[in-house]
Amino acid sequence: MSADQILNPEGSAGSLASTRDVLGDPRRLAALRRSRLLRDELNDDLDGLIKITATLLATPVAMLSLVDQDHQYLKSHVGLEGILEGRQKTGLSHSFCQWVVSRGDALIVEDARDHPVLSKSIAVRNLGVVAYAGTPVGSMSGHALGSICAIDIKPRRWTQEEIAILRNLSHLIDAQAVDGACERGADARWVAQHLTLHGIRAGLWLLRNPRTRQSEDFETQLLALTDRLSERLLALMD
């Protein structure tokens, strides 16, 4: 998929306005504030999944970011420690993840320097972002809240398997974020069951992937996450 197929090639004001509308949607922002992804209790699991992302996709940078109307919050990252100097958020001028959120779908870029919109991002000039692959992470409300992404500092043609790895990792994150406090009512419980089941399937898919099976530590972590999700699904069905 070329960059021109992802965003309006002219980078028109209309597409930018649409992005601002999505990012500033009060319902999405309320879902972000409620999200379990903001809580520290998930930090260890999320850090582990981001390390898995960077290793499986062989990229120098991987991160999980959450996006509001003005900033992206770096919930977990690998490879940006010295560059960000301890900062846990950036302005949207540095954010490719905002486009993942506004699209509600994957953003796959081989070389951002060639794109009329993305090439203007400070992330390209100051952080050296060249190739980018990101998939949305959401909430029980159905809004995209952020993105899990892999970043390379050189042009790269992402494979379908690599994109599938990212999508399955995002399903695992969605399932981890299911909050018992939000499971009241039949509709909410069905959504929670649905997300948890998708997380289990994603964990099993990743466990079968040859790249994952090269690391005993990754297999152990994914098996533990999948087992916890199975227990949660049983509890939701009671």
Protein backbone atom coordinates (compact mmCIF):
# COMPACT_ATOMS: atom_id res chain seq x y z
CA MET A 1 0.00 0.00 0.00
CA SER A 2 1.51 3.33 -1.01
CA ALA A 3 1.38 6.44 1.12
CA ASP A 4 -0.82 8.14 -1.46
CA GLN A 5 -3.50 5.53 -0.81
CA ILE A 6 -3.52 6.36 2.89
CA LEU A 7 -4.04 10.11 3.12
CA ASN A 8 -5.32 12.71 0.73
CA PRO A 9 -2.28 13.26 -1.55
CA GLU A 10 -2.82 17.00 -1.50
CA GLY A 11 -3.13 17.08 2.27
CA SER A 12 -6.18 19.26 1.87
CA ALA A 13 -7.66 21.33 4.66
CA GLY A 14 -10.74 19.13 4.43
CA SER A 15 -8.85 16.00 5.44
CA LEU A 16 -7.09 17.86 8.27
CA ALA A 17 -10.40 19.26 9.50
CA SER A 18 -11.88 15.77 9.49
CA THR A 19 -8.97 14.55 11.60
CA ARG A 20 -9.51 17.36 14.12
CA ASP A 21 -13.21 16.48 14.32
CA VAL A 22 -12.43 12.85 15.14
CA LEU A 23 -9.70 13.68 17.66
CA GLY A 24 -11.90 16.24 19.42
CA ASP A 25 -15.05 14.12 19.51
CA PRO A 26 -16.30 14.45 23.13
CA ARG A 27 -17.44 10.81 23.18
CA ARG A 28 -14.01 9.60 22.12
CA LEU A 29 -12.27 11.82 24.67
CA ALA A 30 -14.59 10.58 27.42
CA ALA A 31 -13.79 6.98 26.42
CA LEU A 32 -10.08 7.82 26.55
CA ARG A 33 -10.39 9.24 30.07
CA ARG A 34 -12.25 6.11 31.20
CA SER A 35 -9.89 3.70 29.50
CA ARG A 36 -8.00 1.18 31.57
CA LEU A 37 -5.07 1.84 29.23
CA LEU A 38 -4.36 5.01 31.21
CA ARG A 39 -3.93 3.13 34.46
CA ASP A 40 -0.56 2.06 35.80
CA GLU A 41 -1.78 -1.46 36.58
CA LEU A 42 -1.27 -2.47 32.94
CA ASN A 43 2.24 -1.04 32.59
CA ASP A 44 4.17 -4.31 32.83
CA ASP A 45 1.98 -6.12 30.31
CA LEU A 46 2.00 -3.19 27.89
CA ASP A 47 5.77 -2.74 28.15
CA GLY A 48 6.19 -6.43 27.41
CA LEU A 49 3.95 -6.26 24.33
CA ILE A 50 5.84 -3.26 22.95
CA LYS A 51 9.16 -5.07 23.39
CA ILE A 52 7.65 -8.01 21.53
CA THR A 53 6.54 -5.62 18.75
CA ALA A 54 10.03 -4.19 18.24
CA THR A 55 11.64 -7.64 18.26
CA LEU A 56 9.16 -9.47 16.02
CA LEU A 57 9.17 -6.68 13.44
CA ALA A 58 12.92 -5.99 13.81
CA THR A 59 12.47 -2.23 14.15
CA PRO A 60 14.54 0.19 16.24
CA VAL A 61 11.39 1.87 17.58
CA ALA A 62 7.97 0.62 18.70
CA MET A 63 5.41 2.35 20.86
CA LEU A 64 1.90 2.49 22.21
CA SER A 65 0.48 5.99 22.17
CA LEU A 66 -2.87 7.40 23.24
CA VAL A 67 -4.13 10.50 21.46
CA ASP A 68 -6.36 13.35 22.64
CA GLN A 69 -7.21 16.50 20.69
CA ASP A 70 -3.80 18.14 21.27
CA HIS A 71 -1.23 15.54 22.29
CA GLN A 72 -0.08 11.98 21.99
CA TYR A 73 0.77 10.26 25.26
CA LEU A 74 3.51 7.66 25.08
CA LYS A 75 2.17 4.88 27.27
CA SER A 76 5.02 2.55 26.39
CA HIS A 77 7.92 2.69 23.95
CA VAL A 78 11.19 1.08 22.90
CA GLY A 79 13.97 2.98 21.16
CA LEU A 80 13.03 6.57 22.07
CA GLU A 81 14.62 6.76 25.50
CA GLY A 82 17.51 9.07 24.61
CA ILE A 83 15.57 11.05 22.02
CA LEU A 84 12.58 12.06 24.14
CA GLU A 85 14.66 12.83 27.25
CA GLY A 86 12.06 11.45 29.62
CA ARG A 87 9.04 13.16 28.06
CA GLN A 88 5.85 11.12 28.19
CA LYS A 89 3.90 13.18 25.67
CA THR A 90 4.42 15.17 22.49
CA GLY A 91 2.36 17.56 20.44
CA LEU A 92 0.49 16.25 17.42
CA SER A 93 3.15 17.86 15.26
CA HIS A 94 5.25 14.78 16.12
CA SER A 95 2.41 12.28 15.74
CA PHE A 96 1.71 9.79 12.97
CA CYS A 97 -0.57 7.98 15.39
CA GLN A 98 -3.17 10.76 15.09
CA TRP A 99 -3.82 9.57 11.53
CA VAL A 100 -4.39 6.01 12.73
CA VAL A 101 -6.95 7.32 15.23
CA SER A 102 -8.71 9.56 12.71
CA ARG A 103 -8.90 6.73 10.15
CA GLY A 104 -9.82 4.07 12.69
CA ASP A 105 -7.65 1.73 10.64
CA ALA A 106 -4.04 0.87 9.94
CA LEU A 107 -1.60 3.41 8.56
CA ILE A 108 1.20 1.77 6.55
CA VAL A 109 3.96 4.00 5.18
CA GLU A 110 7.05 2.89 3.29
CA ASP A 111 8.82 6.28 3.18
CA ALA A 112 7.19 9.26 4.87
CA ARG A 113 9.69 11.65 3.28
CA ASP A 114 7.93 11.16 -0.06
CA HIS A 115 4.44 11.96 1.22
CA PRO A 116 3.08 15.53 0.86
CA VAL A 117 1.37 15.40 4.28
CA LEU A 118 3.54 13.14 6.40
CA SER A 119 6.82 14.62 5.20
CA LYS A 120 5.90 17.86 7.01
CA SER A 121 5.74 16.12 10.39
CA ILE A 122 8.40 17.09 12.92
CA ALA A 123 8.75 13.36 13.59
CA VAL A 124 10.39 13.01 10.16
CA ARG A 125 12.78 15.94 10.63
CA ASN A 126 13.67 15.59 14.32
CA LEU A 127 13.02 11.94 15.20
CA GLY A 128 14.12 10.34 11.94
CA VAL A 129 10.83 8.56 11.26
CA VAL A 130 10.87 7.13 7.74
CA ALA A 131 8.83 3.91 7.61
CA TYR A 132 5.78 3.55 9.85
CA ALA A 133 3.21 0.84 10.48
CA GLY A 134 0.47 1.45 13.04
CA THR A 135 -2.86 -0.12 13.94
CA PRO A 136 -5.53 1.37 16.22
CA VAL A 137 -6.19 0.44 19.80
CA GLY A 138 -9.74 1.10 20.91
CA SER A 139 -12.21 0.86 23.70
CA MET A 140 -15.51 -0.75 24.51
CA SER A 141 -17.19 2.36 23.08
CA GLY A 142 -15.81 1.58 19.62
CA HIS A 143 -13.64 4.69 19.34
CA ALA A 144 -9.98 4.48 18.39
CA LEU A 145 -8.01 5.84 21.34
CA GLY A 146 -4.47 5.46 20.08
CA SER A 147 -2.11 3.25 18.14
CA ILE A 148 0.44 0.50 18.50
CA CYS A 149 3.14 1.11 15.94
CA ALA A 150 6.54 0.06 14.63
CA ILE A 151 8.94 2.62 13.18
CA ASP A 152 12.03 2.29 11.03
CA ILE A 153 14.63 4.93 10.19
CA LYS A 154 15.00 3.69 6.63
CA PRO A 155 12.49 2.98 3.84
CA ARG A 156 10.73 -0.32 4.27
CA ARG A 157 8.12 -2.40 2.46
CA TRP A 158 6.00 -3.89 5.21
CA THR A 159 4.80 -7.46 4.64
CA GLN A 160 1.28 -8.72 5.17
CA GLU A 161 2.57 -10.96 7.96
CA GLU A 162 4.06 -7.97 9.77
CA ILE A 163 0.80 -6.05 9.51
CA ALA A 164 -1.04 -9.13 10.82
CA ILE A 165 1.35 -9.25 13.79
CA LEU A 166 0.53 -5.62 14.60
CA ARG A 167 -3.21 -6.20 14.29
CA ASN A 168 -3.06 -9.19 16.63
CA LEU A 169 -0.99 -7.26 19.15
CA SER A 170 -3.60 -4.48 19.05
CA HIS A 171 -6.35 -7.07 19.73
CA LEU A 172 -4.37 -8.22 22.77
CA ILE A 173 -4.12 -4.64 24.03
CA ASP A 174 -7.84 -4.06 23.49
CA ALA A 175 -8.61 -7.19 25.50
CA GLN A 176 -6.28 -6.14 28.31
CA ALA A 177 -8.11 -2.80 28.50
CA VAL A 178 -11.54 -4.34 29.09
CA ASP A 179 -12.71 -2.87 32.40
CA GLY A 180 -15.05 -4.65 34.77
CA ALA A 181 -16.58 -1.31 35.74
CA CYS A 182 -17.79 -0.87 32.16
CA GLU A 183 -19.36 -4.29 31.81
CA ARG A 184 -22.79 -3.42 33.20
CA GLY A 185 -25.72 -4.20 30.93
CA ALA A 186 -26.19 -6.85 28.28
CA ASP A 187 -24.71 -4.80 25.40
CA ALA A 188 -21.59 -3.81 27.34
CA ARG A 189 -21.08 -7.39 28.52
CA TRP A 190 -21.37 -8.68 24.94
CA VAL A 191 -18.74 -6.16 23.78
CA ALA A 192 -16.45 -7.15 26.64
CA GLN A 193 -16.85 -10.82 25.74
CA HIS A 194 -16.21 -10.04 22.07
CA LEU A 195 -13.00 -8.08 22.77
CA THR A 196 -11.75 -10.70 25.21
CA LEU A 197 -12.39 -13.53 22.74
CA HIS A 198 -10.54 -11.60 20.02
CA GLY A 199 -7.66 -11.14 22.45
CA ILE A 200 -7.52 -14.88 23.11
CA ARG A 201 -7.52 -15.64 19.39
CA ALA A 202 -4.80 -13.02 18.87
CA GLY A 203 -2.68 -14.54 21.62
CA LEU A 204 -3.03 -18.02 20.11
CA TRP A 205 -2.19 -16.67 16.62
CA LEU A 206 0.96 -15.02 17.95
CA LEU A 207 1.94 -18.16 19.88
CA ARG A 208 1.77 -20.14 16.62
CA ASN A 209 3.82 -17.57 14.70
CA PRO A 210 7.36 -18.83 13.97
CA ARG A 211 8.87 -15.46 14.92
CA THR A 212 7.37 -15.62 18.41
CA ARG A 213 8.46 -19.21 18.92
CA GLN A 214 12.10 -18.16 18.59
CA SER A 215 11.88 -16.56 22.06
CA GLU A 216 10.93 -18.64 25.08
CA ASP A 217 10.39 -15.45 27.11
CA PHE A 218 7.87 -14.11 24.57
CA GLU A 219 6.05 -17.44 24.46
CA THR A 220 5.81 -17.46 28.26
CA GLN A 221 4.48 -13.91 28.41
CA LEU A 222 1.91 -14.43 25.66
CA LEU A 223 0.76 -17.70 27.18
CA ALA A 224 0.25 -15.99 30.56
CA LEU A 225 -1.71 -13.13 28.97
CA THR A 226 -3.88 -15.52 26.98
CA ASP A 227 -4.53 -17.66 30.05
CA ARG A 228 -5.67 -14.60 32.04
CA LEU A 229 -7.97 -13.58 29.21
CA SER A 230 -9.49 -17.07 29.15
CA GLU A 231 -10.27 -16.78 32.86
CA ARG A 232 -11.81 -13.35 32.27
CA LEU A 233 -13.98 -14.67 29.44
CA LEU A 234 -15.32 -17.44 31.68
CA ALA A 235 -16.13 -14.88 34.37
CA LEU A 236 -17.93 -12.67 31.83
CA MET A 237 -20.03 -15.62 30.70
CA ASP A 238 -21.19 -16.53 34.23
